[in-house]
């Protein structure tokens, strides 16, 4: 059975940093696109960032570009999200996900991501 487990969330002041981790088990995802999404209270879940199987291609939502960095370690079957210069509007539950249909074509379409973690809360205070 596939499990994606996020960690690293917490409470941080505006301007601070957090590093989210997502560890996968039950299946190797080194050949597929992995991504991060988030859902703020009262809002729909939205795309944050994704990375190709090799780590060579990344794509970010405009709202996080220049502040967040996605990376992966295929040997550990894991994906990470380094979040810097955090803002109160970054407050959300963050989910990692795997698109097991493609190696390099990054999509923001949530419907194409096959596996999801349970989420980790990130709260940024002003």
PDB file of N, CA and C in Angstrom:
ATOM      1  N   UNK A   1       0.847  -1.199   0.000  1.00  0.00           N
ATOM      2  CA  UNK A   1       0.000   0.000   0.000  1.00  0.00           C
ATOM      3  C   UNK A   1       0.880   1.246   0.000  1.00  0.00           C
ATOM      4  N   UNK A   2       0.464   2.210  -0.791  1.00  0.00           N
ATOM      5  CA  UNK A   2       1.242   3.439  -0.926  1.00  0.00           C
ATOM      6  C   UNK A   2       0.907   4.407   0.197  1.00  0.00           C
ATOM      7  N   UNK A   3       1.969   4.981   0.761  1.00  0.00           N
ATOM      8  CA  UNK A   3       1.791   6.025   1.768  1.00  0.00           C
ATOM      9  C   UNK A   3       2.710   7.181   1.440  1.00  0.00           C
ATOM     10  N   UNK A   4       2.169   8.389   1.541  1.00  0.00           N
ATOM     11  CA  UNK A   4       2.952   9.613   1.473  1.00  0.00           C
ATOM     12  C   UNK A   4       2.761  10.315   2.807  1.00  0.00           C
ATOM     13  N   UNK A   5       3.858  10.602   3.488  1.00  0.00           N
ATOM     14  CA  UNK A   5       3.776  11.206   4.807  1.00  0.00           C
ATOM     15  C   UNK A   5       4.551  12.510   4.814  1.00  0.00           C
ATOM     16  N   UNK A   6       3.833  13.605   5.051  1.00  0.00           N
ATOM     17  CA  UNK A   6       4.465  14.916   5.121  1.00  0.00           C
ATOM     18  C   UNK A   6       4.899  15.207   6.556  1.00  0.00           C
ATOM     19  N   UNK A   7       5.919  16.020   6.670  1.00  0.00           N
ATOM     20  CA  UNK A   7       6.380  16.483   7.976  1.00  0.00           C
ATOM     21  C   UNK A   7       7.059  17.826   7.806  1.00  0.00           C
ATOM     22  N   UNK A   8       7.299  18.502   8.929  1.00  0.00           N
ATOM     23  CA  UNK A   8       8.027  19.760   8.894  1.00  0.00           C
ATOM     24  C   UNK A   8       7.171  20.998   9.031  1.00  0.00           C
ATOM     25  N   UNK A   9       5.859  20.827   9.065  1.00  0.00           N
ATOM     26  CA  UNK A   9       4.999  21.979   9.255  1.00  0.00           C
ATOM     27  C   UNK A   9       5.097  22.524  10.661  1.00  0.00           C
ATOM     28  N   UNK A  10       4.478  23.692  10.874  1.00  0.00           N
ATOM     29  CA  UNK A  10       4.504  24.284  12.204  1.00  0.00           C
ATOM     30  C   UNK A  10       4.105  25.735  12.165  1.00  0.00           C
ATOM     31  N   UNK A  11       4.381  26.416  13.256  1.00  0.00           N
ATOM     32  CA  UNK A  11       4.069  27.840  13.400  1.00  0.00           C
ATOM     33  C   UNK A  11       5.351  28.642  13.250  1.00  0.00           C
ATOM     34  N   UNK A  12       5.314  29.661  12.414  1.00  0.00           N
ATOM     35  CA  UNK A  12       6.486  30.486  12.173  1.00  0.00           C
ATOM     36  C   UNK A  12       6.042  31.924  11.977  1.00  0.00           C
ATOM     37  N   UNK A  13       6.902  32.847  12.321  1.00  0.00           N
ATOM     38  CA  UNK A  13       6.603  34.256  12.120  1.00  0.00           C
ATOM     39  C   UNK A  13       6.816  34.647  10.658  1.00  0.00           C
ATOM     40  N   UNK A  14       6.128  35.667  10.234  1.00  0.00           N
ATOM     41  CA  UNK A  14       6.308  36.184   8.881  1.00  0.00           C
ATOM     42  C   UNK A  14       7.779  36.507   8.638  1.00  0.00           C
ATOM     43  N   UNK A  15       8.254  36.135   7.476  1.00  0.00           N
ATOM     44  CA  UNK A  15       9.656  36.309   7.145  1.00  0.00           C
ATOM     45  C   UNK A  15      10.526  35.113   7.467  1.00  0.00           C
ATOM     46  N   UNK A  16       9.964  34.175   8.193  1.00  0.00           N
ATOM     47  CA  UNK A  16      10.712  32.989   8.583  1.00  0.00           C
ATOM     48  C   UNK A  16      10.716  31.916   7.509  1.00  0.00           C
ATOM     49  N   UNK A  17      11.291  30.761   7.876  1.00  0.00           N
ATOM     50  CA  UNK A  17      11.448  29.657   6.935  1.00  0.00           C
ATOM     51  C   UNK A  17      10.988  28.342   7.548  1.00  0.00           C
ATOM     52  N   UNK A  18      10.565  27.453   6.688  1.00  0.00           N
ATOM     53  CA  UNK A  18      10.254  26.080   7.062  1.00  0.00           C
ATOM     54  C   UNK A  18      10.658  25.181   5.913  1.00  0.00           C
ATOM     55  N   UNK A  19      10.978  23.936   6.253  1.00  0.00           N
ATOM     56  CA  UNK A  19      11.286  22.941   5.224  1.00  0.00           C
ATOM     57  C   UNK A  19      10.351  21.755   5.405  1.00  0.00           C
ATOM     58  N   UNK A  20       9.528  21.536   4.405  1.00  0.00           N
ATOM     59  CA  UNK A  20       8.613  20.402   4.433  1.00  0.00           C
ATOM     60  C   UNK A  20       9.267  19.195   3.770  1.00  0.00           C
ATOM     61  N   UNK A  21       8.971  18.043   4.311  1.00  0.00           N
ATOM     62  CA  UNK A  21       9.449  16.794   3.738  1.00  0.00           C
ATOM     63  C   UNK A  21       8.270  15.885   3.456  1.00  0.00           C
ATOM     64  N   UNK A  22       8.428  15.042   2.465  1.00  0.00           N
ATOM     65  CA  UNK A  22       7.401  14.054   2.141  1.00  0.00           C
ATOM     66  C   UNK A  22       8.114  12.749   1.811  1.00  0.00           C
ATOM     67  N   UNK A  23       7.840  11.754   2.617  1.00  0.00           N
ATOM     68  CA  UNK A  23       8.459  10.445   2.424  1.00  0.00           C
ATOM     69  C   UNK A  23       7.423   9.476   1.871  1.00  0.00           C
ATOM     70  N   UNK A  24       7.798   8.790   0.814  1.00  0.00           N
ATOM     71  CA  UNK A  24       6.890   7.828   0.185  1.00  0.00           C
ATOM     72  C   UNK A  24       7.304   6.407   0.526  1.00  0.00           C
ATOM     73  N   UNK A  25       6.324   5.553   0.662  1.00  0.00           N
ATOM     74  CA  UNK A  25       6.584   4.139   0.904  1.00  0.00           C
ATOM     75  C   UNK A  25       5.547   3.311   0.165  1.00  0.00           C
ATOM     76  N   UNK A  26       5.871   2.065  -0.045  1.00  0.00           N
ATOM     77  CA  UNK A  26       4.951   1.166  -0.725  1.00  0.00           C
ATOM     78  C   UNK A  26       5.140   1.108  -2.224  1.00  0.00           C
ATOM     79  N   UNK A  27       5.848   2.087  -2.761  1.00  0.00           N
ATOM     80  CA  UNK A  27       6.103   2.112  -4.196  1.00  0.00           C
ATOM     81  C   UNK A  27       7.218   3.112  -4.439  1.00  0.00           C
ATOM     82  N   UNK A  28       8.032   2.863  -5.443  1.00  0.00           N
ATOM     83  CA  UNK A  28       9.099   3.792  -5.800  1.00  0.00           C
ATOM     84  C   UNK A  28       8.574   4.815  -6.788  1.00  0.00           C
ATOM     85  N   UNK A  29       8.792   6.104  -6.453  1.00  0.00           N
ATOM     86  CA  UNK A  29       8.285   7.172  -7.304  1.00  0.00           C
ATOM     87  C   UNK A  29       9.395   7.936  -8.010  1.00  0.00           C
ATOM     88  N   UNK A  30      10.570   7.346  -8.066  1.00  0.00           N
ATOM     89  CA  UNK A  30      11.696   8.055  -8.656  1.00  0.00           C
ATOM     90  C   UNK A  30      11.503   8.355 -10.137  1.00  0.00           C
ATOM     91  N   UNK A  31      10.565   7.679 -10.784  1.00  0.00           N
ATOM     92  CA  UNK A  31      10.365   7.872 -12.221  1.00  0.00           C
ATOM     93  C   UNK A  31       9.232   8.836 -12.533  1.00  0.00           C
ATOM     94  N   UNK A  32       8.691   9.495 -11.531  1.00  0.00           N
ATOM     95  CA  UNK A  32       7.479  10.286 -11.761  1.00  0.00           C
ATOM     96  C   UNK A  32       7.585  11.707 -11.199  1.00  0.00           C
ATOM     97  N   UNK A  33       6.660  12.531 -11.676  1.00  0.00           N
ATOM     98  CA  UNK A  33       6.559  13.900 -11.193  1.00  0.00           C
ATOM     99  C   UNK A  33       5.982  13.899  -9.777  1.00  0.00           C
ATOM    100  N   UNK A  34       6.580  14.703  -8.920  1.00  0.00           N
ATOM    101  CA  UNK A  34       6.069  14.879  -7.561  1.00  0.00           C
ATOM    102  C   UNK A  34       5.799  16.358  -7.337  1.00  0.00           C
ATOM    103  N   UNK A  35       4.802  16.644  -6.506  1.00  0.00           N
ATOM    104  CA  UNK A  35       4.426  18.031  -6.327  1.00  0.00           C
ATOM    105  C   UNK A  35       3.905  18.345  -4.942  1.00  0.00           C
ATOM    106  N   UNK A  36       3.710  19.630  -4.714  1.00  0.00           N
ATOM    107  CA  UNK A  36       3.133  20.139  -3.472  1.00  0.00           C
ATOM    108  C   UNK A  36       1.918  20.994  -3.809  1.00  0.00           C
ATOM    109  N   UNK A  37       0.885  20.835  -3.011  1.00  0.00           N
ATOM    110  CA  UNK A  37      -0.327  21.628  -3.102  1.00  0.00           C
ATOM    111  C   UNK A  37      -0.628  22.155  -1.699  1.00  0.00           C
ATOM    112  N   UNK A  38      -1.539  23.116  -1.613  1.00  0.00           N
ATOM    113  CA  UNK A  38      -1.930  23.623  -0.300  1.00  0.00           C
ATOM    114  C   UNK A  38      -3.391  24.035  -0.309  1.00  0.00           C
ATOM    115  N   UNK A  39      -3.981  24.003   0.885  1.00  0.00           N
ATOM    116  CA  UNK A  39      -5.368  24.424   1.043  1.00  0.00           C
ATOM    117  C   UNK A  39      -5.485  25.291   2.274  1.00  0.00           C
ATOM    118  N   UNK A  40      -5.855  26.543   2.046  1.00  0.00           N
ATOM    119  CA  UNK A  40      -6.068  27.487   3.134  1.00  0.00           C
ATOM    120  C   UNK A  40      -7.508  27.372   3.627  1.00  0.00           C
ATOM    121  N   UNK A  41      -7.775  27.806   4.843  1.00  0.00           N
ATOM    122  CA  UNK A  41      -9.148  27.733   5.380  1.00  0.00           C
ATOM    123  C   UNK A  41     -10.132  28.457   4.480  1.00  0.00           C
ATOM    124  N   UNK A  42     -11.214  27.778   4.135  1.00  0.00           N
ATOM    125  CA  UNK A  42     -12.255  28.379   3.327  1.00  0.00           C
ATOM    126  C   UNK A  42     -11.935  28.512   1.861  1.00  0.00           C
ATOM    127  N   UNK A  43     -10.800  27.967   1.447  1.00  0.00           N
ATOM    128  CA  UNK A  43     -10.403  28.077   0.040  1.00  0.00           C
ATOM    129  C   UNK A  43     -10.203  26.702  -0.573  1.00  0.00           C
ATOM    130  N   UNK A  44     -10.185  26.656  -1.888  1.00  0.00           N
ATOM    131  CA  UNK A  44      -9.933  25.407  -2.586  1.00  0.00           C
ATOM    132  C   UNK A  44      -8.434  25.086  -2.541  1.00  0.00           C
ATOM    133  N   UNK A  45      -8.163  23.812  -2.681  1.00  0.00           N
ATOM    134  CA  UNK A  45      -6.764  23.404  -2.730  1.00  0.00           C
ATOM    135  C   UNK A  45      -6.132  23.947  -4.001  1.00  0.00           C
ATOM    136  N   UNK A  46      -4.874  24.404  -3.876  1.00  0.00           N
ATOM    137  CA  UNK A  46      -4.211  25.013  -5.022  1.00  0.00           C
ATOM    138  C   UNK A  46      -2.812  24.432  -5.199  1.00  0.00           C
ATOM    139  N   UNK A  47      -2.345  24.535  -6.413  1.00  0.00           N
ATOM    140  CA  UNK A  47      -1.023  24.061  -6.780  1.00  0.00           C
ATOM    141  C   UNK A  47       0.044  24.983  -6.203  1.00  0.00           C
ATOM    142  N   UNK A  48       1.165  24.398  -5.765  1.00  0.00           N
ATOM    143  CA  UNK A  48       2.288  25.190  -5.248  1.00  0.00           C
ATOM    144  C   UNK A  48       3.525  25.003  -6.117  1.00  0.00           C
ATOM    145  N   UNK A  49       3.955  23.750  -6.281  1.00  0.00           N
ATOM    146  CA  UNK A  49       5.183  23.483  -7.023  1.00  0.00           C
ATOM    147  C   UNK A  49       5.240  22.017  -7.413  1.00  0.00           C
ATOM    148  N   UNK A  50       6.040  21.718  -8.432  1.00  0.00           N
ATOM    149  CA  UNK A  50       6.247  20.330  -8.828  1.00  0.00           C
ATOM    150  C   UNK A  50       7.645  20.179  -9.414  1.00  0.00           C
ATOM    151  N   UNK A  51       8.113  18.925  -9.425  1.00  0.00           N
ATOM    152  CA  UNK A  51       9.454  18.634  -9.907  1.00  0.00           C
ATOM    153  C   UNK A  51       9.411  17.371 -10.758  1.00  0.00           C
ATOM    154  N   UNK A  52      10.187  17.368 -11.843  1.00  0.00           N
ATOM    155  CA  UNK A  52      10.244  16.202 -12.720  1.00  0.00           C
ATOM    156  C   UNK A  52      11.004  15.071 -12.043  1.00  0.00           C
ATOM    157  N   UNK A  53      10.988  13.906 -12.679  1.00  0.00           N
ATOM    158  CA  UNK A  53      11.568  12.725 -12.063  1.00  0.00           C
ATOM    159  C   UNK A  53      13.049  12.905 -11.747  1.00  0.00           C
ATOM    160  N   UNK A  54      13.752  13.634 -12.577  1.00  0.00           N
ATOM    161  CA  UNK A  54      15.196  13.803 -12.392  1.00  0.00           C
ATOM    162  C   UNK A  54      15.538  14.972 -11.473  1.00  0.00           C
ATOM    163  N   UNK A  55      14.553  15.807 -11.218  1.00  0.00           N
ATOM    164  CA  UNK A  55      14.821  17.025 -10.462  1.00  0.00           C
ATOM    165  C   UNK A  55      15.272  18.174 -11.342  1.00  0.00           C
ATOM    166  N   UNK A  56      15.418  17.914 -12.627  1.00  0.00           N
ATOM    167  CA  UNK A  56      15.956  18.913 -13.519  1.00  0.00           C
ATOM    168  C   UNK A  56      14.969  19.980 -13.957  1.00  0.00           C
ATOM    169  N   UNK A  57      13.693  19.689 -13.817  1.00  0.00           N
ATOM    170  CA  UNK A  57      12.665  20.655 -14.195  1.00  0.00           C
ATOM    171  C   UNK A  57      11.751  20.900 -13.013  1.00  0.00           C
ATOM    172  N   UNK A  58      11.532  22.171 -12.730  1.00  0.00           N
ATOM    173  CA  UNK A  58      10.634  22.560 -11.654  1.00  0.00           C
ATOM    174  C   UNK A  58       9.680  23.620 -12.164  1.00  0.00           C
ATOM    175  N   UNK A  59       8.551  23.729 -11.485  1.00  0.00           N
ATOM    176  CA  UNK A  59       7.560  24.723 -11.880  1.00  0.00           C
ATOM    177  C   UNK A  59       6.843  25.194 -10.626  1.00  0.00           C
ATOM    178  N   UNK A  60       6.679  26.514 -10.517  1.00  0.00           N
ATOM    179  CA  UNK A  60       6.117  27.101  -9.311  1.00  0.00           C
ATOM    180  C   UNK A  60       4.895  27.960  -9.618  1.00  0.00           C
ATOM    181  N   UNK A  61       3.997  27.997  -8.674  1.00  0.00           N
ATOM    182  CA  UNK A  61       2.916  28.968  -8.747  1.00  0.00           C
ATOM    183  C   UNK A  61       3.508  30.362  -8.597  1.00  0.00           C
ATOM    184  N   UNK A  62       2.903  31.345  -9.239  1.00  0.00           N
ATOM    185  CA  UNK A  62       3.432  32.704  -9.186  1.00  0.00           C
ATOM    186  C   UNK A  62       3.519  33.226  -7.751  1.00  0.00           C
ATOM    187  N   UNK A  63       2.602  32.785  -6.920  1.00  0.00           N
ATOM    188  CA  UNK A  63       2.538  33.299  -5.550  1.00  0.00           C
ATOM    189  C   UNK A  63       3.731  32.875  -4.694  1.00  0.00           C
ATOM    190  N   UNK A  64       4.451  31.832  -5.114  1.00  0.00           N
ATOM    191  CA  UNK A  64       5.572  31.349  -4.303  1.00  0.00           C
ATOM    192  C   UNK A  64       6.900  31.440  -5.038  1.00  0.00           C
ATOM    193  N   UNK A  65       6.876  31.824  -6.281  1.00  0.00           N
ATOM    194  CA  UNK A  65       8.086  31.876  -7.091  1.00  0.00           C
ATOM    195  C   UNK A  65       9.108  32.811  -6.457  1.00  0.00           C
ATOM    196  N   UNK A  66      10.336  32.338  -6.363  1.00  0.00           N
ATOM    197  CA  UNK A  66      11.400  33.131  -5.763  1.00  0.00           C
ATOM    198  C   UNK A  66      11.521  32.973  -4.260  1.00  0.00           C
ATOM    199  N   UNK A  67      10.518  32.363  -3.631  1.00  0.00           N
ATOM    200  CA  UNK A  67      10.559  32.156  -2.170  1.00  0.00           C
ATOM    201  C   UNK A  67      10.622  30.681  -1.804  1.00  0.00           C
ATOM    202  N   UNK A  68       9.991  29.837  -2.592  1.00  0.00           N
ATOM    203  CA  UNK A  68       9.944  28.402  -2.321  1.00  0.00           C
ATOM    204  C   UNK A  68      10.841  27.657  -3.301  1.00  0.00           C
ATOM    205  N   UNK A  69      11.411  26.550  -2.838  1.00  0.00           N
ATOM    206  CA  UNK A  69      12.221  25.693  -3.687  1.00  0.00           C
ATOM    207  C   UNK A  69      11.830  24.238  -3.464  1.00  0.00           C
ATOM    208  N   UNK A  70      11.483  23.569  -4.548  1.00  0.00           N
ATOM    209  CA  UNK A  70      11.145  22.150  -4.476  1.00  0.00           C
ATOM    210  C   UNK A  70      12.355  21.340  -4.901  1.00  0.00           C
ATOM    211  N   UNK A  71      12.569  20.224  -4.229  1.00  0.00           N
ATOM    212  CA  UNK A  71      13.664  19.333  -4.590  1.00  0.00           C
ATOM    213  C   UNK A  71      13.254  17.905  -4.251  1.00  0.00           C
ATOM    214  N   UNK A  72      14.060  16.963  -4.710  1.00  0.00           N
ATOM    215  CA  UNK A  72      13.737  15.566  -4.424  1.00  0.00           C
ATOM    216  C   UNK A  72      15.009  14.759  -4.245  1.00  0.00           C
ATOM    217  N   UNK A  73      14.869  13.651  -3.552  1.00  0.00           N
ATOM    218  CA  UNK A  73      15.963  12.702  -3.354  1.00  0.00           C
ATOM    219  C   UNK A  73      15.405  11.344  -3.727  1.00  0.00           C
ATOM    220  N   UNK A  74      15.707  10.891  -4.918  1.00  0.00           N
ATOM    221  CA  UNK A  74      15.134   9.638  -5.399  1.00  0.00           C
ATOM    222  C   UNK A  74      15.646   8.432  -4.617  1.00  0.00           C
ATOM    223  N   UNK A  75      16.832   8.535  -4.097  1.00  0.00           N
ATOM    224  CA  UNK A  75      17.360   7.432  -3.295  1.00  0.00           C
ATOM    225  C   UNK A  75      16.550   7.227  -2.022  1.00  0.00           C
ATOM    226  N   UNK A  76      15.951   8.316  -1.549  1.00  0.00           N
ATOM    227  CA  UNK A  76      15.136   8.250  -0.339  1.00  0.00           C
ATOM    228  C   UNK A  76      13.640   8.241  -0.653  1.00  0.00           C
ATOM    229  N   UNK A  77      13.303   8.292  -1.949  1.00  0.00           N
ATOM    230  CA  UNK A  77      11.886   8.303  -2.346  1.00  0.00           C
ATOM    231  C   UNK A  77      11.156   9.456  -1.659  1.00  0.00           C
ATOM    232  N   UNK A  78      11.782  10.638  -1.709  1.00  0.00           N
ATOM    233  CA  UNK A  78      11.267  11.773  -0.959  1.00  0.00           C
ATOM    234  C   UNK A  78      11.290  13.043  -1.797  1.00  0.00           C
ATOM    235  N   UNK A  79      10.425  13.972  -1.409  1.00  0.00           N
ATOM    236  CA  UNK A  79      10.377  15.291  -2.023  1.00  0.00           C
ATOM    237  C   UNK A  79      10.327  16.318  -0.900  1.00  0.00           C
ATOM    238  N   UNK A  80      10.897  17.492  -1.168  1.00  0.00           N
ATOM    239  CA  UNK A  80      11.015  18.528  -0.144  1.00  0.00           C
ATOM    240  C   UNK A  80      10.494  19.858  -0.674  1.00  0.00           C
ATOM    241  N   UNK A  81      10.129  20.727   0.247  1.00  0.00           N
ATOM    242  CA  UNK A  81       9.728  22.078  -0.108  1.00  0.00           C
ATOM    243  C   UNK A  81      10.366  23.035   0.889  1.00  0.00           C
ATOM    244  N   UNK A  82      11.368  23.763   0.442  1.00  0.00           N
ATOM    245  CA  UNK A  82      12.003  24.792   1.265  1.00  0.00           C
ATOM    246  C   UNK A  82      11.222  26.079   1.084  1.00  0.00           C
ATOM    247  N   UNK A  83      10.705  26.596   2.188  1.00  0.00           N
ATOM    248  CA  UNK A  83       9.871  27.786   2.130  1.00  0.00           C
ATOM    249  C   UNK A  83      10.558  28.913   2.895  1.00  0.00           C
ATOM    250  N   UNK A  84      10.918  29.968   2.185  1.00  0.00           N
ATOM    251  CA  UNK A  84      11.575  31.132   2.782  1.00  0.00           C
ATOM    252  C   UNK A  84      10.681  32.354   2.654  1.00  0.00           C
ATOM    253  N   UNK A  85      11.013  33.368   3.417  1.00  0.00           N
ATOM    254  CA  UNK A  85      10.251  34.630   3.372  1.00  0.00           C
ATOM    255  C   UNK A  85       8.756  34.374   3.462  1.00  0.00           C
ATOM    256  N   UNK A  86       8.379  33.578   4.412  1.00  0.00           N
ATOM    257  CA  UNK A  86       6.981  33.186   4.539  1.00  0.00           C
ATOM    258  C   UNK A  86       6.092  34.369   4.877  1.00  0.00           C
ATOM    259  N   UNK A  87       4.876  34.324   4.357  1.00  0.00           N
ATOM    260  CA  UNK A  87       3.885  35.373   4.553  1.00  0.00           C
ATOM    261  C   UNK A  87       2.647  34.770   5.228  1.00  0.00           C
ATOM    262  N   UNK A  88       1.864  35.582   5.902  1.00  0.00           N
ATOM    263  CA  UNK A  88       0.632  35.053   6.512  1.00  0.00           C
ATOM    264  C   UNK A  88      -0.271  34.354   5.502  1.00  0.00           C
ATOM    265  N   UNK A  89      -0.263  34.825   4.264  1.00  0.00           N
ATOM    266  CA  UNK A  89      -1.111  34.198   3.240  1.00  0.00           C
ATOM    267  C   UNK A  89      -0.614  32.832   2.793  1.00  0.00           C
ATOM    268  N   UNK A  90       0.549  32.420   3.275  1.00  0.00           N
ATOM    269  CA  UNK A  90       1.031  31.065   3.016  1.00  0.00           C
ATOM    270  C   UNK A  90       0.434  30.055   4.001  1.00  0.00           C
ATOM    271  N   UNK A  91      -0.284  30.543   4.984  1.00  0.00           N
ATOM    272  CA  UNK A  91      -0.906  29.653   5.958  1.00  0.00           C
ATOM    273  C   UNK A  91      -1.881  28.704   5.269  1.00  0.00           C
ATOM    274  N   UNK A  92      -1.671  27.406   5.474  1.00  0.00           N
ATOM    275  CA  UNK A  92      -2.486  26.395   4.803  1.00  0.00           C
ATOM    276  C   UNK A  92      -2.050  25.013   5.265  1.00  0.00           C
ATOM    277  N   UNK A  93      -2.835  24.024   4.883  1.00  0.00           N
ATOM    278  CA  UNK A  93      -2.395  22.643   4.989  1.00  0.00           C
ATOM    279  C   UNK A  93      -1.697  22.300   3.684  1.00  0.00           C
ATOM    280  N   UNK A  94      -0.476  21.799   3.788  1.00  0.00           N
ATOM    281  CA  UNK A  94       0.328  21.485   2.614  1.00  0.00           C
ATOM    282  C   UNK A  94       0.325  19.974   2.379  1.00  0.00           C
ATOM    283  N   UNK A  95       0.082  19.602   1.123  1.00  0.00           N
ATOM    284  CA  UNK A  95      -0.003  18.204   0.731  1.00  0.00           C
ATOM    285  C   UNK A  95       1.058  17.895  -0.328  1.00  0.00           C
ATOM    286  N   UNK A  96       1.689  16.746  -0.204  1.00  0.00           N
ATOM    287  CA  UNK A  96       2.511  16.282  -1.315  1.00  0.00           C
ATOM    288  C   UNK A  96       1.706  15.293  -2.141  1.00  0.00           C
ATOM    289  N   UNK A  97       2.075  15.175  -3.394  1.00  0.00           N
ATOM    290  CA  UNK A  97       1.321  14.324  -4.305  1.00  0.00           C
ATOM    291  C   UNK A  97       2.237  13.791  -5.401  1.00  0.00           C
ATOM    292  N   UNK A  98       1.829  12.696  -5.998  1.00  0.00           N
ATOM    293  CA  UNK A  98       2.600  12.070  -7.075  1.00  0.00           C
ATOM    294  C   UNK A  98       1.729  11.910  -8.307  1.00  0.00           C
ATOM    295  N   UNK A  99       2.276  12.351  -9.435  1.00  0.00           N
ATOM    296  CA  UNK A  99       1.641  12.107 -10.727  1.00  0.00           C
ATOM    297  C   UNK A  99       2.339  10.905 -11.339  1.00  0.00           C
ATOM    298  N   UNK A 100       1.709   9.745 -11.192  1.00  0.00           N
ATOM    299  CA  UNK A 100       2.344   8.500 -11.625  1.00  0.00           C
ATOM    300  C   UNK A 100       2.110   8.200 -13.097  1.00  0.00           C
ATOM    301  N   UNK A 101       1.757   9.241 -13.860  1.00  0.00           N
ATOM    302  CA  UNK A 101       1.484   9.033 -15.283  1.00  0.00           C
ATOM    303  C   UNK A 101       2.573   9.630 -16.162  1.00  0.00           C
ATOM    304  N   UNK A 102       3.471  10.419 -15.563  1.00  0.00           N
ATOM    305  CA  UNK A 102       4.444  11.119 -16.384  1.00  0.00           C
ATOM    306  C   UNK A 102       5.766  11.273 -15.647  1.00  0.00           C
ATOM    307  N   UNK A 103       6.850  11.271 -16.424  1.00  0.00           N
ATOM    308  CA  UNK A 103       8.184  11.464 -15.850  1.00  0.00           C
ATOM    309  C   UNK A 103       8.576  12.929 -15.817  1.00  0.00           C
ATOM    310  N   UNK A 104       8.278  13.630 -16.894  1.00  0.00           N
ATOM    311  CA  UNK A 104       8.823  14.971 -16.989  1.00  0.00           C
ATOM    312  C   UNK A 104       7.818  16.065 -17.254  1.00  0.00           C
ATOM    313  N   UNK A 105       6.612  15.723 -17.662  1.00  0.00           N
ATOM    314  CA  UNK A 105       5.629  16.750 -17.995  1.00  0.00           C
ATOM    315  C   UNK A 105       4.925  17.197 -16.733  1.00  0.00           C
ATOM    316  N   UNK A 106       5.221  18.395 -16.298  1.00  0.00           N
ATOM    317  CA  UNK A 106       4.660  18.907 -15.060  1.00  0.00           C
ATOM    318  C   UNK A 106       3.298  19.524 -15.344  1.00  0.00           C
ATOM    319  N   UNK A 107       2.326  19.166 -14.549  1.00  0.00           N
ATOM    320  CA  UNK A 107       0.989  19.714 -14.672  1.00  0.00           C
ATOM    321  C   UNK A 107       0.518  20.261 -13.335  1.00  0.00           C
ATOM    322  N   UNK A 108      -0.278  21.304 -13.416  1.00  0.00           N
ATOM    323  CA  UNK A 108      -0.873  21.871 -12.204  1.00  0.00           C
ATOM    324  C   UNK A 108      -2.248  21.271 -11.925  1.00  0.00           C
ATOM    325  N   UNK A 109      -2.706  20.399 -12.790  1.00  0.00           N
ATOM    326  CA  UNK A 109      -4.037  19.809 -12.680  1.00  0.00           C
ATOM    327  C   UNK A 109      -4.051  18.749 -11.576  1.00  0.00           C
ATOM    328  N   UNK A 110      -4.731  19.038 -10.501  1.00  0.00           N
ATOM    329  CA  UNK A 110      -4.752  18.133  -9.354  1.00  0.00           C
ATOM    330  C   UNK A 110      -5.337  16.768  -9.710  1.00  0.00           C
ATOM    331  N   UNK A 111      -6.241  16.734 -10.662  1.00  0.00           N
ATOM    332  CA  UNK A 111      -6.905  15.478 -11.025  1.00  0.00           C
ATOM    333  C   UNK A 111      -5.930  14.458 -11.601  1.00  0.00           C
ATOM    334  N   UNK A 112      -4.780  14.922 -12.041  1.00  0.00           N
ATOM    335  CA  UNK A 112      -3.797  14.024 -12.642  1.00  0.00           C
ATOM    336  C   UNK A 112      -2.787  13.491 -11.638  1.00  0.00           C
ATOM    337  N   UNK A 113      -2.924  13.882 -10.399  1.00  0.00           N
ATOM    338  CA  UNK A 113      -2.047  13.371  -9.346  1.00  0.00           C
ATOM    339  C   UNK A 113      -2.752  12.200  -8.666  1.00  0.00           C
ATOM    340  N   UNK A 114      -2.057  11.078  -8.625  1.00  0.00           N
ATOM    341  CA  UNK A 114      -2.697   9.824  -8.238  1.00  0.00           C
ATOM    342  C   UNK A 114      -2.600   9.508  -6.746  1.00  0.00           C
ATOM    343  N   UNK A 115      -1.550   9.970  -6.111  1.00  0.00           N
ATOM    344  CA  UNK A 115      -1.317   9.643  -4.703  1.00  0.00           C
ATOM    345  C   UNK A 115      -1.133  10.929  -3.913  1.00  0.00           C
ATOM    346  N   UNK A 116      -1.710  10.946  -2.707  1.00  0.00           N
ATOM    347  CA  UNK A 116      -1.687  12.141  -1.862  1.00  0.00           C
ATOM    348  C   UNK A 116      -1.323  11.782  -0.422  1.00  0.00           C
ATOM    349  N   UNK A 117      -0.625  12.710   0.227  1.00  0.00           N
ATOM    350  CA  UNK A 117      -0.377  12.570   1.652  1.00  0.00           C
ATOM    351  C   UNK A 117      -1.547  13.120   2.452  1.00  0.00           C
ATOM    352  N   UNK A 118      -1.405  13.054   3.772  1.00  0.00           N
ATOM    353  CA  UNK A 118      -2.485  13.494   4.647  1.00  0.00           C
ATOM    354  C   UNK A 118      -2.410  14.981   4.960  1.00  0.00           C
ATOM    355  N   UNK A 119      -1.280  15.591   4.660  1.00  0.00           N
ATOM    356  CA  UNK A 119      -1.132  17.023   4.855  1.00  0.00           C
ATOM    357  C   UNK A 119      -0.406  17.384   6.128  1.00  0.00           C
ATOM    358  N   UNK A 120       0.237  18.548   6.105  1.00  0.00           N
ATOM    359  CA  UNK A 120       0.894  19.099   7.286  1.00  0.00           C
ATOM    360  C   UNK A 120       0.554  20.587   7.370  1.00  0.00           C
ATOM    361  N   UNK A 121       0.233  21.033   8.578  1.00  0.00           N
ATOM    362  CA  UNK A 121      -0.231  22.411   8.767  1.00  0.00           C
ATOM    363  C   UNK A 121       0.950  23.372   8.829  1.00  0.00           C
ATOM    364  N   UNK A 122       0.843  24.432   8.074  1.00  0.00           N
ATOM    365  CA  UNK A 122       1.810  25.537   8.138  1.00  0.00           C
ATOM    366  C   UNK A 122       1.034  26.789   8.525  1.00  0.00           C
ATOM    367  N   UNK A 123       1.459  27.427   9.599  1.00  0.00           N
ATOM    368  CA  UNK A 123       0.803  28.638  10.067  1.00  0.00           C
ATOM    369  C   UNK A 123       1.848  29.740  10.169  1.00  0.00           C
ATOM    370  N   UNK A 124       1.590  30.860   9.494  1.00  0.00           N
ATOM    371  CA  UNK A 124       2.519  31.982   9.491  1.00  0.00           C
ATOM    372  C   UNK A 124       1.834  33.147  10.196  1.00  0.00           C
ATOM    373  N   UNK A 125       2.428  33.589  11.290  1.00  0.00           N
ATOM    374  CA  UNK A 125       1.848  34.687  12.053  1.00  0.00           C
ATOM    375  C   UNK A 125       2.430  36.012  11.589  1.00  0.00           C
ATOM    376  N   UNK A 126       1.616  37.042  11.690  1.00  0.00           N
ATOM    377  CA  UNK A 126       2.066  38.371  11.238  1.00  0.00           C
ATOM    378  C   UNK A 126       2.740  39.142  12.353  1.00  0.00           C
TER     379      UNK A 126
END
